[in-house]
PDB file of N, CA and C in Angstrom:
ATOM      1  N   UNK A   1     -35.617  66.766 -40.729  1.00  0.00           N
ATOM      2  CA  UNK A   1     -34.174  66.931 -40.842  1.00  0.00           C
ATOM      3  C   UNK A   1     -33.463  65.896 -39.975  1.00  0.00           C
ATOM      4  N   UNK A   2     -32.534  65.257 -40.560  1.00  0.00           N
ATOM      5  CA  UNK A   2     -31.777  64.251 -39.862  1.00  0.00           C
ATOM      6  C   UNK A   2     -30.430  64.851 -39.465  1.00  0.00           C
ATOM      7  N   UNK A   3     -30.060  64.725 -38.204  1.00  0.00           N
ATOM      8  CA  UNK A   3     -28.802  65.301 -37.731  1.00  0.00           C
ATOM      9  C   UNK A   3     -27.581  64.604 -38.308  1.00  0.00           C
ATOM     10  N   UNK A   4     -27.728  63.387 -38.770  1.00  0.00           N
ATOM     11  CA  UNK A   4     -26.616  62.651 -39.360  1.00  0.00           C
ATOM     12  C   UNK A   4     -26.157  63.333 -40.654  1.00  0.00           C
ATOM     13  N   UNK A   5     -27.081  63.990 -41.354  1.00  0.00           N
ATOM     14  CA  UNK A   5     -26.720  64.686 -42.581  1.00  0.00           C
ATOM     15  C   UNK A   5     -25.782  65.869 -42.315  1.00  0.00           C
ATOM     16  N   UNK A   6     -25.888  66.467 -41.155  1.00  0.00           N
ATOM     17  CA  UNK A   6     -25.071  67.629 -40.815  1.00  0.00           C
ATOM     18  C   UNK A   6     -23.789  67.260 -40.071  1.00  0.00           C
ATOM     19  N   UNK A   7     -23.570  65.981 -39.832  1.00  0.00           N
ATOM     20  CA  UNK A   7     -22.381  65.542 -39.109  1.00  0.00           C
ATOM     21  C   UNK A   7     -21.081  65.925 -39.826  1.00  0.00           C
ATOM     22  N   UNK A   8     -20.952  65.768 -41.152  1.00  0.00           N
ATOM     23  CA  UNK A   8     -19.704  66.194 -41.807  1.00  0.00           C
ATOM     24  C   UNK A   8     -19.434  67.691 -41.660  1.00  0.00           C
ATOM     25  N   UNK A   9     -20.472  68.503 -41.731  1.00  0.00           N
ATOM     26  CA  UNK A   9     -20.289  69.946 -41.565  1.00  0.00           C
ATOM     27  C   UNK A   9     -19.845  70.266 -40.149  1.00  0.00           C
ATOM     28  N   UNK A  10     -20.464  69.623 -39.174  1.00  0.00           N
ATOM     29  CA  UNK A  10     -20.085  69.842 -37.783  1.00  0.00           C
ATOM     30  C   UNK A  10     -18.645  69.399 -37.525  1.00  0.00           C
ATOM     31  N   UNK A  11     -18.263  68.253 -38.061  1.00  0.00           N
ATOM     32  CA  UNK A  11     -16.891  67.788 -37.900  1.00  0.00           C
ATOM     33  C   UNK A  11     -15.901  68.732 -38.575  1.00  0.00           C
ATOM     34  N   UNK A  12     -16.262  69.260 -39.742  1.00  0.00           N
ATOM     35  CA  UNK A  12     -15.410  70.212 -40.439  1.00  0.00           C
ATOM     36  C   UNK A  12     -15.214  71.481 -39.605  1.00  0.00           C
ATOM     37  N   UNK A  13     -16.274  71.996 -39.022  1.00  0.00           N
ATOM     38  CA  UNK A  13     -16.164  73.199 -38.191  1.00  0.00           C
ATOM     39  C   UNK A  13     -15.333  72.938 -36.939  1.00  0.00           C
ATOM     40  N   UNK A  14     -15.537  71.813 -36.311  1.00  0.00           N
ATOM     41  CA  UNK A  14     -14.772  71.482 -35.101  1.00  0.00           C
ATOM     42  C   UNK A  14     -13.307  71.296 -35.442  1.00  0.00           C
ATOM     43  N   UNK A  15     -13.010  70.550 -36.496  1.00  0.00           N
ATOM     44  CA  UNK A  15     -11.621  70.317 -36.887  1.00  0.00           C
ATOM     45  C   UNK A  15     -10.941  71.627 -37.304  1.00  0.00           C
ATOM     46  N   UNK A  16     -11.652  72.475 -38.036  1.00  0.00           N
ATOM     47  CA  UNK A  16     -11.095  73.761 -38.426  1.00  0.00           C
ATOM     48  C   UNK A  16     -10.790  74.639 -37.232  1.00  0.00           C
ATOM     49  N   UNK A  17     -11.659  74.643 -36.249  1.00  0.00           N
ATOM     50  CA  UNK A  17     -11.429  75.420 -35.033  1.00  0.00           C
ATOM     51  C   UNK A  17     -10.247  74.865 -34.251  1.00  0.00           C
ATOM     52  N   UNK A  18     -10.161  73.552 -34.142  1.00  0.00           N
ATOM     53  CA  UNK A  18      -9.055  72.929 -33.416  1.00  0.00           C
ATOM     54  C   UNK A  18      -7.726  73.230 -34.109  1.00  0.00           C
ATOM     55  N   UNK A  19      -7.691  73.089 -35.435  1.00  0.00           N
ATOM     56  CA  UNK A  19      -6.452  73.340 -36.171  1.00  0.00           C
ATOM     57  C   UNK A  19      -6.048  74.810 -36.075  1.00  0.00           C
ATOM     58  N   UNK A  20      -7.005  75.717 -35.989  1.00  0.00           N
ATOM     59  CA  UNK A  20      -6.694  77.132 -35.906  1.00  0.00           C
ATOM     60  C   UNK A  20      -6.353  77.619 -34.516  1.00  0.00           C
ATOM     61  N   UNK A  21      -6.975  77.049 -33.500  1.00  0.00           N
ATOM     62  CA  UNK A  21      -6.829  77.577 -32.137  1.00  0.00           C
ATOM     63  C   UNK A  21      -5.761  76.837 -31.336  1.00  0.00           C
ATOM     64  N   UNK A  22      -5.683  75.538 -31.464  1.00  0.00           N
ATOM     65  CA  UNK A  22      -4.764  74.745 -30.639  1.00  0.00           C
ATOM     66  C   UNK A  22      -3.298  75.147 -30.838  1.00  0.00           C
ATOM     67  N   UNK A  23      -2.789  75.338 -32.062  1.00  0.00           N
ATOM     68  CA  UNK A  23      -1.391  75.764 -32.185  1.00  0.00           C
ATOM     69  C   UNK A  23      -1.114  77.119 -31.531  1.00  0.00           C
ATOM     70  N   UNK A  24      -2.075  78.029 -31.589  1.00  0.00           N
ATOM     71  CA  UNK A  24      -1.875  79.326 -30.928  1.00  0.00           C
ATOM     72  C   UNK A  24      -1.828  79.163 -29.410  1.00  0.00           C
ATOM     73  N   UNK A  25      -2.685  78.317 -28.886  1.00  0.00           N
ATOM     74  CA  UNK A  25      -2.686  78.092 -27.438  1.00  0.00           C
ATOM     75  C   UNK A  25      -1.404  77.396 -26.987  1.00  0.00           C
ATOM     76  N   UNK A  26      -0.948  76.425 -27.751  1.00  0.00           N
ATOM     77  CA  UNK A  26       0.299  75.737 -27.416  1.00  0.00           C
ATOM     78  C   UNK A  26       1.462  76.714 -27.446  1.00  0.00           C
ATOM     79  N   UNK A  27       1.524  77.553 -28.470  1.00  0.00           N
ATOM     80  CA  UNK A  27       2.583  78.546 -28.555  1.00  0.00           C
ATOM     81  C   UNK A  27       2.546  79.530 -27.404  1.00  0.00           C
ATOM     82  N   UNK A  28       1.366  79.935 -27.000  1.00  0.00           N
ATOM     83  CA  UNK A  28       1.225  80.877 -25.884  1.00  0.00           C
ATOM     84  C   UNK A  28       1.640  80.234 -24.562  1.00  0.00           C
ATOM     85  N   UNK A  29       1.343  78.954 -24.411  1.00  0.00           N
ATOM     86  CA  UNK A  29       1.640  78.278 -23.150  1.00  0.00           C
ATOM     87  C   UNK A  29       3.117  77.915 -22.998  1.00  0.00           C
ATOM     88  N   UNK A  30       3.774  77.465 -24.069  1.00  0.00           N
ATOM     89  CA  UNK A  30       5.144  76.966 -23.907  1.00  0.00           C
ATOM     90  C   UNK A  30       6.222  77.960 -24.336  1.00  0.00           C
ATOM     91  N   UNK A  31       5.835  79.067 -24.967  1.00  0.00           N
ATOM     92  CA  UNK A  31       6.864  80.016 -25.403  1.00  0.00           C
ATOM     93  C   UNK A  31       7.312  80.891 -24.237  1.00  0.00           C
ATOM     94  N   UNK A  32       8.607  81.207 -24.189  1.00  0.00           N
ATOM     95  CA  UNK A  32       9.076  82.100 -23.130  1.00  0.00           C
ATOM     96  C   UNK A  32       8.621  83.537 -23.408  1.00  0.00           C
ATOM     97  N   UNK A  33       8.230  84.205 -22.373  1.00  0.00           N
ATOM     98  CA  UNK A  33       7.792  85.593 -22.504  1.00  0.00           C
ATOM     99  C   UNK A  33       8.687  86.457 -21.626  1.00  0.00           C
ATOM    100  N   UNK A  34       9.774  86.920 -22.210  1.00  0.00           N
ATOM    101  CA  UNK A  34      10.727  87.747 -21.484  1.00  0.00           C
ATOM    102  C   UNK A  34      10.941  89.060 -22.242  1.00  0.00           C
ATOM    103  N   UNK A  35       9.971  89.955 -22.217  1.00  0.00           N
ATOM    104  CA  UNK A  35      10.131  91.190 -22.974  1.00  0.00           C
ATOM    105  C   UNK A  35      11.181  92.103 -22.341  1.00  0.00           C
ATOM    106  N   UNK A  36      11.980  92.710 -23.185  1.00  0.00           N
ATOM    107  CA  UNK A  36      12.927  93.723 -22.727  1.00  0.00           C
ATOM    108  C   UNK A  36      12.890  94.878 -23.727  1.00  0.00           C
ATOM    109  N   UNK A  37      13.683  95.883 -23.494  1.00  0.00           N
ATOM    110  CA  UNK A  37      13.630  97.062 -24.355  1.00  0.00           C
ATOM    111  C   UNK A  37      14.050  96.738 -25.790  1.00  0.00           C
ATOM    112  N   UNK A  38      14.967  95.797 -25.967  1.00  0.00           N
ATOM    113  CA  UNK A  38      15.407  95.426 -27.317  1.00  0.00           C
ATOM    114  C   UNK A  38      14.290  94.753 -28.102  1.00  0.00           C
ATOM    115  N   UNK A  39      13.547  93.851 -27.456  1.00  0.00           N
ATOM    116  CA  UNK A  39      12.468  93.155 -28.145  1.00  0.00           C
ATOM    117  C   UNK A  39      11.270  94.061 -28.411  1.00  0.00           C
ATOM    118  N   UNK A  40      11.052  95.038 -27.556  1.00  0.00           N
ATOM    119  CA  UNK A  40       9.908  95.912 -27.710  1.00  0.00           C
ATOM    120  C   UNK A  40      10.190  97.103 -28.610  1.00  0.00           C
ATOM    121  N   UNK A  41      11.418  97.242 -29.085  1.00  0.00           N
ATOM    122  CA  UNK A  41      11.755  98.377 -29.946  1.00  0.00           C
ATOM    123  C   UNK A  41      11.232  98.145 -31.363  1.00  0.00           C
ATOM    124  N   UNK A  42      11.156  99.231 -32.132  1.00  0.00           N
ATOM    125  CA  UNK A  42      10.672  99.117 -33.507  1.00  0.00           C
ATOM    126  C   UNK A  42      11.762  98.533 -34.385  1.00  0.00           C
ATOM    127  N   UNK A  43      11.369  97.787 -35.400  1.00  0.00           N
ATOM    128  CA  UNK A  43      12.339  97.160 -36.288  1.00  0.00           C
ATOM    129  C   UNK A  43      11.878  97.133 -37.732  1.00  0.00           C
ATOM    130  N   UNK A  44      10.662  97.515 -38.006  1.00  0.00           N
ATOM    131  CA  UNK A  44      10.106  97.367 -39.348  1.00  0.00           C
ATOM    132  C   UNK A  44      10.794  98.259 -40.378  1.00  0.00           C
ATOM    133  N   UNK A  45      10.966  99.531 -40.066  1.00  0.00           N
ATOM    134  CA  UNK A  45      11.435 100.455 -41.089  1.00  0.00           C
ATOM    135  C   UNK A  45      12.878 100.881 -40.878  1.00  0.00           C
ATOM    136  N   UNK A  46      13.520 100.476 -39.805  1.00  0.00           N
ATOM    137  CA  UNK A  46      14.939 100.739 -39.645  1.00  0.00           C
ATOM    138  C   UNK A  46      15.284 101.946 -38.815  1.00  0.00           C
ATOM    139  N   UNK A  47      14.323 102.731 -38.381  1.00  0.00           N
ATOM    140  CA  UNK A  47      14.667 103.868 -37.533  1.00  0.00           C
ATOM    141  C   UNK A  47      13.612 104.016 -36.442  1.00  0.00           C
ATOM    142  N   UNK A  48      14.027 104.639 -35.362  1.00  0.00           N
ATOM    143  CA  UNK A  48      13.145 104.820 -34.217  1.00  0.00           C
ATOM    144  C   UNK A  48      12.091 105.883 -34.539  1.00  0.00           C
ATOM    145  N   UNK A  49      10.879 105.720 -34.022  1.00  0.00           N
ATOM    146  CA  UNK A  49       9.881 106.771 -34.216  1.00  0.00           C
ATOM    147  C   UNK A  49      10.250 107.987 -33.379  1.00  0.00           C
ATOM    148  N   UNK A  50      10.341 109.114 -34.015  1.00  0.00           N
ATOM    149  CA  UNK A  50      10.754 110.302 -33.284  1.00  0.00           C
ATOM    150  C   UNK A  50       9.884 111.507 -33.592  1.00  0.00           C
ATOM    151  N   UNK A  51       8.931 111.360 -34.497  1.00  0.00           N
ATOM    152  CA  UNK A  51       8.074 112.478 -34.843  1.00  0.00           C
ATOM    153  C   UNK A  51       6.624 112.017 -34.927  1.00  0.00           C
ATOM    154  N   UNK A  52       5.849 112.855 -35.539  1.00  0.00           N
ATOM    155  CA  UNK A  52       4.443 112.579 -35.763  1.00  0.00           C
ATOM    156  C   UNK A  52       4.287 111.423 -36.753  1.00  0.00           C
ATOM    157  N   UNK A  53       3.168 110.757 -36.711  1.00  0.00           N
ATOM    158  CA  UNK A  53       2.917 109.642 -37.628  1.00  0.00           C
ATOM    159  C   UNK A  53       2.792 110.106 -39.071  1.00  0.00           C
ATOM    160  N   UNK A  54       2.566 111.382 -39.288  1.00  0.00           N
ATOM    161  CA  UNK A  54       2.428 111.915 -40.644  1.00  0.00           C
ATOM    162  C   UNK A  54       3.738 112.478 -41.186  1.00  0.00           C
ATOM    163  N   UNK A  55       4.863 112.020 -40.655  1.00  0.00           N
ATOM    164  CA  UNK A  55       6.153 112.508 -41.149  1.00  0.00           C
ATOM    165  C   UNK A  55       6.431 111.958 -42.544  1.00  0.00           C
ATOM    166  N   UNK A  56       7.332 112.586 -43.252  1.00  0.00           N
ATOM    167  CA  UNK A  56       7.638 112.186 -44.614  1.00  0.00           C
ATOM    168  C   UNK A  56       8.612 111.016 -44.608  1.00  0.00           C
ATOM    169  N   UNK A  57       8.337 110.052 -45.477  1.00  0.00           N
ATOM    170  CA  UNK A  57       9.243 108.924 -45.666  1.00  0.00           C
ATOM    171  C   UNK A  57      10.127 109.193 -46.867  1.00  0.00           C
ATOM    172  N   UNK A  58      11.240 108.530 -46.894  1.00  0.00           N
ATOM    173  CA  UNK A  58      12.114 108.609 -48.045  1.00  0.00           C
ATOM    174  C   UNK A  58      11.439 107.900 -49.214  1.00  0.00           C
ATOM    175  N   UNK A  59      11.496 108.505 -50.375  1.00  0.00           N
ATOM    176  CA  UNK A  59      10.816 107.978 -51.559  1.00  0.00           C
ATOM    177  C   UNK A  59      11.389 106.636 -51.987  1.00  0.00           C
ATOM    178  N   UNK A  60      12.604 106.332 -51.572  1.00  0.00           N
ATOM    179  CA  UNK A  60      13.228 105.066 -51.986  1.00  0.00           C
ATOM    180  C   UNK A  60      12.488 103.849 -51.446  1.00  0.00           C
ATOM    181  N   UNK A  61      11.832 103.982 -50.283  1.00  0.00           N
ATOM    182  CA  UNK A  61      11.030 102.869 -49.774  1.00  0.00           C
ATOM    183  C   UNK A  61       9.924 102.521 -50.780  1.00  0.00           C
ATOM    184  N   UNK A  62       9.279 103.545 -51.305  1.00  0.00           N
ATOM    185  CA  UNK A  62       8.195 103.322 -52.248  1.00  0.00           C
ATOM    186  C   UNK A  62       8.715 102.798 -53.587  1.00  0.00           C
ATOM    187  N   UNK A  63       9.852 103.302 -54.024  1.00  0.00           N
ATOM    188  CA  UNK A  63      10.417 102.829 -55.284  1.00  0.00           C
ATOM    189  C   UNK A  63      10.771 101.351 -55.220  1.00  0.00           C
ATOM    190  N   UNK A  64      11.367 100.944 -54.113  1.00  0.00           N
ATOM    191  CA  UNK A  64      11.717  99.533 -53.962  1.00  0.00           C
ATOM    192  C   UNK A  64      10.453  98.674 -53.930  1.00  0.00           C
ATOM    193  N   UNK A  65       9.418  99.142 -53.249  1.00  0.00           N
ATOM    194  CA  UNK A  65       8.165  98.386 -53.186  1.00  0.00           C
ATOM    195  C   UNK A  65       7.526  98.263 -54.562  1.00  0.00           C
ATOM    196  N   UNK A  66       7.525  99.341 -55.333  1.00  0.00           N
ATOM    197  CA  UNK A  66       6.936  99.301 -56.667  1.00  0.00           C
ATOM    198  C   UNK A  66       7.737  98.388 -57.586  1.00  0.00           C
ATOM    199  N   UNK A  67       9.056  98.450 -57.485  1.00  0.00           N
ATOM    200  CA  UNK A  67       9.881  97.566 -58.310  1.00  0.00           C
ATOM    201  C   UNK A  67       9.653  96.106 -57.948  1.00  0.00           C
ATOM    202  N   UNK A  68       9.509  95.824 -56.672  1.00  0.00           N
ATOM    203  CA  UNK A  68       9.237  94.452 -56.246  1.00  0.00           C
ATOM    204  C   UNK A  68       7.913  93.968 -56.834  1.00  0.00           C
ATOM    205  N   UNK A  69       6.890  94.793 -56.760  1.00  0.00           N
ATOM    206  CA  UNK A  69       5.584  94.398 -57.293  1.00  0.00           C
ATOM    207  C   UNK A  69       5.664  94.191 -58.798  1.00  0.00           C
ATOM    208  N   UNK A  70       6.375  95.067 -59.483  1.00  0.00           N
ATOM    209  CA  UNK A  70       6.502  94.957 -60.934  1.00  0.00           C
ATOM    210  C   UNK A  70       7.145  93.638 -61.341  1.00  0.00           C
ATOM    211  N   UNK A  71       8.267  93.297 -60.725  1.00  0.00           N
ATOM    212  CA  UNK A  71       8.956  92.072 -61.126  1.00  0.00           C
ATOM    213  C   UNK A  71       8.300  90.831 -60.539  1.00  0.00           C
ATOM    214  N   UNK A  72       7.539  90.982 -59.484  1.00  0.00           N
ATOM    215  CA  UNK A  72       6.756  89.868 -58.974  1.00  0.00           C
ATOM    216  C   UNK A  72       5.633  89.529 -59.950  1.00  0.00           C
ATOM    217  N   UNK A  73       5.015  90.539 -60.519  1.00  0.00           N
ATOM    218  CA  UNK A  73       3.976  90.298 -61.527  1.00  0.00           C
ATOM    219  C   UNK A  73       4.554  89.693 -62.796  1.00  0.00           C
ATOM    220  N   UNK A  74       5.787  90.048 -63.101  1.00  0.00           N
ATOM    221  CA  UNK A  74       6.438  89.438 -64.262  1.00  0.00           C
ATOM    222  C   UNK A  74       6.515  87.930 -64.082  1.00  0.00           C
ATOM    223  N   UNK A  75       6.902  87.499 -62.920  1.00  0.00           N
ATOM    224  CA  UNK A  75       6.980  86.060 -62.649  1.00  0.00           C
ATOM    225  C   UNK A  75       5.595  85.426 -62.702  1.00  0.00           C
ATOM    226  N   UNK A  76       4.577  86.150 -62.247  1.00  0.00           N
ATOM    227  CA  UNK A  76       3.216  85.616 -62.300  1.00  0.00           C
ATOM    228  C   UNK A  76       2.758  85.411 -63.740  1.00  0.00           C
ATOM    229  N   UNK A  77       3.265  86.212 -64.680  1.00  0.00           N
ATOM    230  CA  UNK A  77       2.933  86.006 -66.093  1.00  0.00           C
ATOM    231  C   UNK A  77       3.785  84.915 -66.727  1.00  0.00           C
ATOM    232  N   UNK A  78       4.961  84.670 -66.190  1.00  0.00           N
ATOM    233  CA  UNK A  78       5.838  83.670 -66.787  1.00  0.00           C
ATOM    234  C   UNK A  78       5.387  82.237 -66.503  1.00  0.00           C
ATOM    235  N   UNK A  79       4.797  81.971 -65.357  1.00  0.00           N
ATOM    236  CA  UNK A  79       4.392  80.608 -65.023  1.00  0.00           C
ATOM    237  C   UNK A  79       3.336  80.052 -65.975  1.00  0.00           C
ATOM    238  N   UNK A  80       2.225  80.748 -66.215  1.00  0.00           N
ATOM    239  CA  UNK A  80       1.255  80.178 -67.163  1.00  0.00           C
ATOM    240  C   UNK A  80       1.811  80.068 -68.577  1.00  0.00           C
ATOM    241  N   UNK A  81       2.666  81.003 -68.955  1.00  0.00           N
ATOM    242  CA  UNK A  81       3.287  80.943 -70.278  1.00  0.00           C
ATOM    243  C   UNK A  81       4.156  79.691 -70.395  1.00  0.00           C
ATOM    244  N   UNK A  82       4.922  79.395 -69.342  1.00  0.00           N
ATOM    245  CA  UNK A  82       5.793  78.221 -69.373  1.00  0.00           C
ATOM    246  C   UNK A  82       4.990  76.928 -69.412  1.00  0.00           C
ATOM    247  N   UNK A  83       3.855  76.902 -68.728  1.00  0.00           N
ATOM    248  CA  UNK A  83       3.023  75.698 -68.718  1.00  0.00           C
ATOM    249  C   UNK A  83       2.418  75.453 -70.102  1.00  0.00           C
ATOM    250  N   UNK A  84       1.989  76.512 -70.767  1.00  0.00           N
ATOM    251  CA  UNK A  84       1.332  76.371 -72.065  1.00  0.00           C
ATOM    252  C   UNK A  84       2.284  76.618 -73.228  1.00  0.00           C
ATOM    253  N   UNK A  85       3.578  76.517 -73.005  1.00  0.00           N
ATOM    254  CA  UNK A  85       4.562  76.874 -74.029  1.00  0.00           C
ATOM    255  C   UNK A  85       4.430  76.013 -75.283  1.00  0.00           C
ATOM    256  N   UNK A  86       4.197  74.716 -75.131  1.00  0.00           N
ATOM    257  CA  UNK A  86       4.097  73.828 -76.300  1.00  0.00           C
ATOM    258  C   UNK A  86       2.894  74.167 -77.170  1.00  0.00           C
ATOM    259  N   UNK A  87       1.825  74.622 -76.558  1.00  0.00           N
ATOM    260  CA  UNK A  87       0.613  74.935 -77.312  1.00  0.00           C
ATOM    261  C   UNK A  87       0.663  76.314 -77.969  1.00  0.00           C
ATOM    262  N   UNK A  88       1.542  77.190 -77.498  1.00  0.00           N
ATOM    263  CA  UNK A  88       1.563  78.567 -78.009  1.00  0.00           C
ATOM    264  C   UNK A  88       2.336  78.708 -79.315  1.00  0.00           C
ATOM    265  N   UNK A  89       3.255  77.842 -79.577  1.00  0.00           N
ATOM    266  CA  UNK A  89       4.035  77.847 -80.800  1.00  0.00           C
ATOM    267  C   UNK A  89       4.897  79.107 -80.896  1.00  0.00           C
ATOM    268  N   UNK A  90       5.200  79.527 -82.101  1.00  0.00           N
ATOM    269  CA  UNK A  90       6.120  80.643 -82.333  1.00  0.00           C
ATOM    270  C   UNK A  90       5.541  81.972 -81.853  1.00  0.00           C
ATOM    271  N   UNK A  91       4.239  82.169 -82.003  1.00  0.00           N
ATOM    272  CA  UNK A  91       3.597  83.413 -81.568  1.00  0.00           C
ATOM    273  C   UNK A  91       3.753  83.620 -80.065  1.00  0.00           C
ATOM    274  N   UNK A  92       3.611  82.566 -79.286  1.00  0.00           N
ATOM    275  CA  UNK A  92       3.772  82.667 -77.833  1.00  0.00           C
ATOM    276  C   UNK A  92       5.187  83.040 -77.442  1.00  0.00           C
ATOM    277  N   UNK A  93       6.159  82.488 -78.140  1.00  0.00           N
ATOM    278  CA  UNK A  93       7.558  82.817 -77.860  1.00  0.00           C
ATOM    279  C   UNK A  93       7.855  84.282 -78.175  1.00  0.00           C
ATOM    280  N   UNK A  94       7.404  84.739 -79.336  1.00  0.00           N
ATOM    281  CA  UNK A  94       7.672  86.122 -79.735  1.00  0.00           C
ATOM    282  C   UNK A  94       6.973  87.105 -78.804  1.00  0.00           C
ATOM    283  N   UNK A  95       5.731  86.835 -78.445  1.00  0.00           N
ATOM    284  CA  UNK A  95       5.008  87.756 -77.562  1.00  0.00           C
ATOM    285  C   UNK A  95       5.659  87.830 -76.186  1.00  0.00           C
ATOM    286  N   UNK A  96       6.153  86.699 -75.660  1.00  0.00           N
ATOM    287  CA  UNK A  96       6.806  86.737 -74.352  1.00  0.00           C
ATOM    288  C   UNK A  96       8.156  87.434 -74.443  1.00  0.00           C
ATOM    289  N   UNK A  97       8.872  87.265 -75.534  1.00  0.00           N
ATOM    290  CA  UNK A  97      10.147  87.958 -75.688  1.00  0.00           C
ATOM    291  C   UNK A  97       9.938  89.476 -75.784  1.00  0.00           C
ATOM    292  N   UNK A  98       8.861  89.900 -76.421  1.00  0.00           N
ATOM    293  CA  UNK A  98       8.534  91.334 -76.461  1.00  0.00           C
ATOM    294  C   UNK A  98       8.211  91.834 -75.059  1.00  0.00           C
ATOM    295  N   UNK A  99       7.419  91.069 -74.321  1.00  0.00           N
ATOM    296  CA  UNK A  99       7.068  91.434 -72.943  1.00  0.00           C
ATOM    297  C   UNK A  99       8.321  91.540 -72.078  1.00  0.00           C
ATOM    298  N   UNK A 100       9.184  90.542 -72.134  1.00  0.00           N
ATOM    299  CA  UNK A 100      10.412  90.568 -71.341  1.00  0.00           C
ATOM    300  C   UNK A 100      11.354  91.677 -71.811  1.00  0.00           C
ATOM    301  N   UNK A 101      11.381  91.946 -73.103  1.00  0.00           N
ATOM    302  CA  UNK A 101      12.215  93.034 -73.611  1.00  0.00           C
ATOM    303  C   UNK A 101      11.775  94.380 -73.073  1.00  0.00           C
ATOM    304  N   UNK A 102      10.472  94.622 -73.016  1.00  0.00           N
ATOM    305  CA  UNK A 102       9.967  95.872 -72.456  1.00  0.00           C
ATOM    306  C   UNK A 102      10.341  95.992 -70.988  1.00  0.00           C
ATOM    307  N   UNK A 103      10.230  94.886 -70.247  1.00  0.00           N
ATOM    308  CA  UNK A 103      10.613  94.922 -68.837  1.00  0.00           C
ATOM    309  C   UNK A 103      12.112  95.158 -68.657  1.00  0.00           C
ATOM    310  N   UNK A 104      12.938  94.560 -69.487  1.00  0.00           N
ATOM    311  CA  UNK A 104      14.382  94.756 -69.391  1.00  0.00           C
ATOM    312  C   UNK A 104      14.743  96.200 -69.725  1.00  0.00           C
ATOM    313  N   UNK A 105      14.107  96.768 -70.735  1.00  0.00           N
ATOM    314  CA  UNK A 105      14.362  98.170 -71.079  1.00  0.00           C
ATOM    315  C   UNK A 105      13.968  99.075 -69.906  1.00  0.00           C
ATOM    316  N   UNK A 106      12.833  98.793 -69.281  1.00  0.00           N
ATOM    317  CA  UNK A 106      12.416  99.570 -68.111  1.00  0.00           C
ATOM    318  C   UNK A 106      13.379  99.418 -66.947  1.00  0.00           C
ATOM    319  N   UNK A 107      13.850  98.204 -66.736  1.00  0.00           N
ATOM    320  CA  UNK A 107      14.813  97.957 -65.662  1.00  0.00           C
ATOM    321  C   UNK A 107      16.120  98.699 -65.917  1.00  0.00           C
ATOM    322  N   UNK A 108      16.610  98.651 -67.147  1.00  0.00           N
ATOM    323  CA  UNK A 108      17.851  99.363 -67.473  1.00  0.00           C
ATOM    324  C   UNK A 108      17.677 100.881 -67.339  1.00  0.00           C
ATOM    325  N   UNK A 109      16.509 101.385 -67.698  1.00  0.00           N
ATOM    326  CA  UNK A 109      16.233 102.812 -67.541  1.00  0.00           C
ATOM    327  C   UNK A 109      16.257 103.207 -66.065  1.00  0.00           C
ATOM    328  N   UNK A 110      15.613 102.409 -65.209  1.00  0.00           N
ATOM    329  CA  UNK A 110      15.617 102.700 -63.773  1.00  0.00           C
ATOM    330  C   UNK A 110      17.023 102.620 -63.201  1.00  0.00           C
ATOM    331  N   UNK A 111      17.779 101.664 -63.660  1.00  0.00           N
ATOM    332  CA  UNK A 111      19.152 101.512 -63.197  1.00  0.00           C
ATOM    333  C   UNK A 111      19.989 102.722 -63.613  1.00  0.00           C
ATOM    334  N   UNK A 112      19.818 103.172 -64.852  1.00  0.00           N
ATOM    335  CA  UNK A 112      20.576 104.324 -65.354  1.00  0.00           C
ATOM    336  C   UNK A 112      20.186 105.607 -64.627  1.00  0.00           C
ATOM    337  N   UNK A 113      18.929 105.747 -64.244  1.00  0.00           N
ATOM    338  CA  UNK A 113      18.476 106.947 -63.538  1.00  0.00           C
ATOM    339  C   UNK A 113      18.845 106.922 -62.053  1.00  0.00           C
ATOM    340  N   UNK A 114      19.339 105.785 -61.551  1.00  0.00           N
ATOM    341  CA  UNK A 114      19.757 105.690 -60.150  1.00  0.00           C
ATOM    342  C   UNK A 114      18.654 105.328 -59.189  1.00  0.00           C
ATOM    343  N   UNK A 115      17.550 104.776 -59.678  1.00  0.00           N
ATOM    344  CA  UNK A 115      16.446 104.410 -58.790  1.00  0.00           C
ATOM    345  C   UNK A 115      16.828 103.244 -57.882  1.00  0.00           C
ATOM    346  N   UNK A 116      17.824 102.475 -58.265  1.00  0.00           N
ATOM    347  CA  UNK A 116      18.217 101.313 -57.467  1.00  0.00           C
ATOM    348  C   UNK A 116      19.368 101.620 -56.517  1.00  0.00           C
ATOM    349  N   UNK A 117      19.924 102.815 -56.590  1.00  0.00           N
ATOM    350  CA  UNK A 117      21.038 103.182 -55.701  1.00  0.00           C
ATOM    351  C   UNK A 117      20.502 103.549 -54.333  1.00  0.00           C
ATOM    352  N   UNK A 118      21.107 103.000 -53.320  1.00  0.00           N
ATOM    353  CA  UNK A 118      20.694 103.279 -51.955  1.00  0.00           C
ATOM    354  C   UNK A 118      21.875 103.921 -51.238  1.00  0.00           C
ATOM    355  N   UNK A 119      21.763 105.195 -50.968  1.00  0.00           N
ATOM    356  CA  UNK A 119      22.889 105.932 -50.388  1.00  0.00           C
ATOM    357  C   UNK A 119      22.745 106.083 -48.902  1.00  0.00           C
TER     358      UNK A 119
END
């Protein structure tokens, strides 16, 4: 075994470690660390923790998350369709319009039922 053959792998590992570790070390060394009660408070969900971790959440958090995932997946289907649009011809256009129509009908139904209202 010749060590010269493994030199690219070794350089890749060293460079990957440097790129991953050095920015974290620089940030830790030069960033100001002045914690106070405002910075240490919770901010993720909008309210202070006041009960057990198994408390009930408002269902609207979950509805918004599901709606985000649904319409995010819609965009994920639109990109490949747009790239291959010339090759799909009329069938591709009709199938995507049916797909978008179903999503619009679902969106209008959710809107009519008040799933998007935040009181």
